[in-house]
Structures are given as C-alpha cells and as structure tokens.
C-alpha cells in the first residue's frame, strides 16, 4: 500500500531526490573523512607503504650489488683465461 503511494511521488520528484541523496552522501563523507579513526587508518596505511618501499629499495640494492659482483667475477675469470692462454 505504501509502495503504491511512494511510486508516483518518487517518479515525480526523481531529480530532487537524487540531489538530496548527493548532499546527504557529501555530508556523511565529510564526517567520515574528518574522523580521527580515518586519519589513524590513513597514517598506518601510509607508514606501511613507506616501509614496503624502503624494503623494496634495500632488496633492489642488494640484487644490484650481487649482479655487479657476478659480472666482476665473470670478467676476472675471462681475463684469467685469456692471460693463461697467452702465457702458454
């Protein structure tokens, strides 16, 4: 019964209801964003991202150093082989 009464009202004032819903969503969103809990969660999330970035940079640096060592050792082995072949 209530549905039959609301349907014509909703159909007639569709744009006004969408506008009111948008305002309500903006007000609720502003309160959520201003809350201390949201700020704490955002801070913890950002700290986690920064920590992960730091760990990734350290891992990348270790990988780079290991690759440089491998290249250096390979060059030294090649130079030793060339030196030994020419010496004989």
Protein backbone atom coordinates (compact mmCIF):
# COMPACT_ATOMS: atom_id res chain seq x y z
CA UNK A 1 0.00 0.00 0.00
CA UNK A 2 2.80 2.41 0.95
CA UNK A 3 4.68 1.40 -2.20
CA UNK A 4 1.77 2.47 -4.38
CA UNK A 5 1.73 5.87 -2.69
CA UNK A 6 5.51 6.39 -2.89
CA UNK A 7 5.96 5.32 -6.51
CA UNK A 8 4.21 8.34 -8.06
CA UNK A 9 5.99 10.67 -5.60
CA UNK A 10 9.37 9.20 -6.47
CA UNK A 11 8.62 9.34 -10.15
CA UNK A 12 7.51 12.96 -9.93
CA UNK A 13 10.42 14.19 -7.76
CA UNK A 14 13.18 11.95 -9.07
CA UNK A 15 15.74 14.71 -9.66
CA UNK A 16 15.11 16.39 -6.31
CA UNK A 17 15.60 13.06 -4.51
CA UNK A 18 18.84 12.41 -6.38
CA UNK A 19 20.05 15.89 -5.43
CA UNK A 20 19.13 15.33 -1.76
CA UNK A 21 20.88 11.97 -1.83
CA UNK A 22 24.02 13.62 -3.20
CA UNK A 23 24.01 16.22 -0.46
CA UNK A 24 23.49 13.54 2.20
CA UNK A 25 26.35 11.49 0.74
CA UNK A 26 28.66 14.53 0.76
CA UNK A 27 27.83 15.36 4.38
CA UNK A 28 28.33 11.78 5.53
CA UNK A 29 31.56 11.51 3.52
CA UNK A 30 32.90 14.71 5.07
CA UNK A 31 32.21 13.41 8.57
CA UNK A 32 33.91 10.11 7.77
CA UNK A 33 36.99 11.83 6.32
CA UNK A 34 37.27 14.19 9.31
CA UNK A 35 37.07 11.40 11.90
CA UNK A 36 40.15 10.53 13.91
CA UNK A 37 39.74 6.83 13.11
CA UNK A 38 40.03 7.55 9.38
CA UNK A 39 43.11 9.68 9.95
CA UNK A 40 44.71 6.95 12.07
CA UNK A 41 43.98 4.31 9.42
CA UNK A 42 45.37 6.53 6.68
CA UNK A 43 48.52 7.19 8.72
CA UNK A 44 49.06 3.50 9.40
CA UNK A 45 48.46 2.68 5.75
CA UNK A 46 50.94 5.31 4.59
CA UNK A 47 53.52 4.06 7.09
CA UNK A 48 53.07 0.55 5.72
CA UNK A 49 53.56 1.76 2.16
CA UNK A 50 56.70 3.70 3.07
CA UNK A 51 58.08 0.67 4.93
CA UNK A 52 57.38 -1.60 1.96
CA UNK A 53 59.06 0.91 -0.36
CA UNK A 54 62.13 1.04 1.86
CA UNK A 55 62.33 -2.76 1.99
CA UNK A 56 61.96 -2.97 -1.80
CA UNK A 57 64.73 -0.41 -2.30
CA UNK A 58 67.05 -2.33 0.04
CA UNK A 59 66.29 -5.60 -1.77
CA UNK A 60 66.89 -3.95 -5.14
CA UNK A 61 70.21 -2.53 -3.93
CA UNK A 62 71.29 -5.98 -2.69
CA UNK A 63 70.33 -7.52 -6.03
CA UNK A 64 72.27 -4.82 -7.89
CA UNK A 65 75.38 -5.39 -5.75
CA UNK A 66 75.16 -9.16 -6.25
CA UNK A 67 74.79 -8.70 -10.02
CA UNK A 68 77.80 -6.38 -10.09
CA UNK A 69 79.83 -8.97 -8.16
CA UNK A 70 78.80 -11.70 -10.60
CA UNK A 71 79.76 -9.55 -13.59
CA UNK A 72 83.08 -8.63 -11.98
CA UNK A 73 83.86 -12.29 -11.21
CA UNK A 74 82.92 -13.32 -14.76
CA UNK A 75 85.20 -10.64 -16.19
CA UNK A 76 88.04 -11.72 -13.92
CA UNK A 77 87.61 -15.37 -14.97
CA UNK A 78 87.64 -14.32 -18.64
CA UNK A 79 90.74 -12.20 -18.13
CA UNK A 80 92.49 -15.05 -16.30
CA UNK A 81 91.64 -17.49 -19.10
CA UNK A 82 92.98 -15.06 -21.69
CA UNK A 83 96.13 -14.44 -19.64
CA UNK A 84 96.74 -18.15 -19.11
CA UNK A 85 96.22 -18.95 -22.83
CA UNK A 86 98.62 -16.23 -23.95
CA UNK A 87 101.21 -17.17 -21.37
CA UNK A 88 101.44 -20.74 -22.55
